[in-house]
Amino acid sequence: MKKVYFLQTCDTCRRILKEVNLEGFEKQEIKMNPVTVAQLEEMYSYTKSYEALFNKRAKLYREMGLNDQNLTEKDFRQYILDEYTFLKRPVFIVDDEIFVGNSKKTVDSLKAKLL
């Protein structure tokens, strides 16, 4: 399976999507088509952590004062389901691996996997 979750209005997502060969990928734009519980559970099955899937750089994270709270895995899960901006993106699932976020290391690993 090849799938990518991304945000169309995110410049970083658009840049990474241009850098990667998306042939054969199912694409899901998360603002128009939010992540379902089942999809989030699938991502969790790879990472074993909702926090790893959570975007702490989101403006809303600070605006809501979440950076001053001790959030649990249950909290991270619920916030991701409630608000698309809390999913760290892009998220690529390639066969049996997941690539979360836009760090150079993650993107390089993704590109190596797709060679």
Protein backbone atom coordinates (compact mmCIF):
# COMPACT_ATOMS: atom_id res chain seq x y z
CA MET A 1 0.00 0.00 0.00
CA LYS A 2 1.12 3.53 -0.77
CA LYS A 3 -0.72 6.44 0.77
CA VAL A 4 0.03 10.06 1.62
CA TYR A 5 -1.84 12.38 3.97
CA PHE A 6 -1.11 16.04 3.29
CA LEU A 7 -2.46 19.58 3.49
CA GLN A 8 -2.85 21.34 0.14
CA THR A 9 -2.34 24.81 1.66
CA CYS A 10 0.97 23.81 3.29
CA ASP A 11 3.96 25.01 1.24
CA THR A 12 6.22 22.39 2.80
CA CYS A 13 3.80 19.57 1.92
CA ARG A 14 3.54 20.81 -1.67
CA ARG A 15 7.34 21.01 -1.97
CA ILE A 16 7.82 17.46 -0.65
CA LEU A 17 5.04 16.08 -2.86
CA LYS A 18 6.85 17.57 -5.89
CA GLU A 19 10.15 15.96 -4.82
CA VAL A 20 8.68 12.46 -4.46
CA ASN A 21 7.42 10.16 -7.19
CA LEU A 22 3.73 9.82 -6.27
CA GLU A 23 2.93 7.21 -8.91
CA GLY A 24 0.72 4.55 -7.33
CA PHE A 25 -0.01 6.62 -4.21
CA GLU A 26 -3.47 7.18 -2.82
CA LYS A 27 -3.56 10.87 -1.87
CA GLN A 28 -5.71 12.27 0.94
CA GLU A 29 -5.96 16.00 1.54
CA ILE A 30 -6.72 16.18 5.26
CA LYS A 31 -8.61 19.48 5.36
CA MET A 32 -11.19 18.44 2.77
CA ASN A 33 -11.15 14.77 3.76
CA PRO A 34 -10.27 14.51 7.48
CA VAL A 35 -8.46 11.52 8.92
CA THR A 36 -10.84 8.88 10.25
CA VAL A 37 -10.46 6.96 13.50
CA ALA A 38 -9.50 3.84 11.51
CA GLN A 39 -6.85 5.74 9.54
CA LEU A 40 -5.37 7.26 12.69
CA GLU A 41 -5.32 3.82 14.33
CA GLU A 42 -3.46 2.48 11.29
CA MET A 43 -0.85 5.24 11.60
CA TYR A 44 -0.57 4.50 15.32
CA SER A 45 0.04 0.81 14.58
CA TYR A 46 3.28 1.89 12.86
CA THR A 47 4.45 4.56 15.31
CA LYS A 48 3.06 3.16 18.61
CA SER A 49 2.69 6.81 19.64
CA TYR A 50 0.06 9.46 18.98
CA GLU A 51 2.55 12.06 20.14
CA ALA A 52 4.82 11.08 17.23
CA LEU A 53 1.93 11.92 14.89
CA PHE A 54 1.14 15.21 16.64
CA ASN A 55 2.21 18.56 15.21
CA LYS A 56 3.54 20.68 18.07
CA ARG A 57 4.41 23.46 15.61
CA ALA A 58 0.75 24.20 14.87
CA LYS A 59 -0.28 27.74 15.78
CA LEU A 60 -3.34 26.32 17.50
CA TYR A 61 -1.09 24.30 19.83
CA ARG A 62 0.15 27.49 21.48
CA GLU A 63 -3.10 29.41 21.07
CA MET A 64 -4.98 26.73 23.02
CA GLY A 65 -2.24 26.65 25.67
CA LEU A 66 -1.57 22.96 25.00
CA ASN A 67 2.18 23.60 25.23
CA ASP A 68 1.66 24.35 28.94
CA GLN A 69 -0.23 21.11 29.64
CA ASN A 70 0.91 17.55 30.21
CA LEU A 71 -0.94 15.84 27.38
CA THR A 72 -1.51 12.08 27.41
CA GLU A 73 -1.54 9.75 24.43
CA LYS A 74 -5.35 9.84 24.66
CA ASP A 75 -5.26 13.66 24.47
CA PHE A 76 -2.95 13.63 21.42
CA ARG A 77 -5.27 11.15 19.70
CA GLN A 78 -8.38 13.23 20.35
CA TYR A 79 -6.80 16.52 19.25
CA ILE A 80 -5.62 14.95 15.97
CA LEU A 81 -9.14 13.67 15.31
CA ASP A 82 -10.74 17.00 16.27
CA GLU A 83 -8.47 19.32 14.28
CA TYR A 84 -6.63 18.44 11.05
CA THR A 85 -3.84 20.92 11.78
CA PHE A 86 -2.62 18.73 14.67
CA LEU A 87 -1.56 15.89 12.36
CA LYS A 88 2.17 16.20 11.68
CA ARG A 89 2.46 16.22 7.93
CA PRO A 90 2.95 14.94 5.43
CA VAL A 91 2.42 11.32 6.44
CA PHE A 92 3.53 8.71 3.92
CA ILE A 93 2.72 5.04 4.33
CA VAL A 94 4.77 2.86 2.01
CA ASP A 95 4.22 -0.87 2.29
CA ASP A 96 5.03 -1.61 5.94
CA GLU A 97 6.73 1.70 6.84
CA ILE A 98 5.51 5.13 7.88
CA PHE A 99 7.24 8.46 7.30
CA VAL A 100 5.87 11.27 9.46
CA GLY A 101 6.72 14.94 9.08
CA ASN A 102 9.00 17.03 6.95
CA SER A 103 12.45 16.73 8.50
CA LYS A 104 15.27 16.26 6.01
CA LYS A 105 16.09 12.88 7.55
CA THR A 106 12.48 11.67 7.16
CA VAL A 107 12.20 12.90 3.57
CA ASP A 108 15.57 11.35 2.67
CA SER A 109 14.49 8.02 4.19
CA LEU A 110 11.25 8.17 2.19
CA LYS A 111 13.10 8.87 -1.04
CA ALA A 112 15.50 5.97 -0.38
CA LYS A 113 12.54 3.64 0.25
CA LEU A 114 10.94 4.65 -3.05
CA LEU A 115 14.06 4.00 -5.17
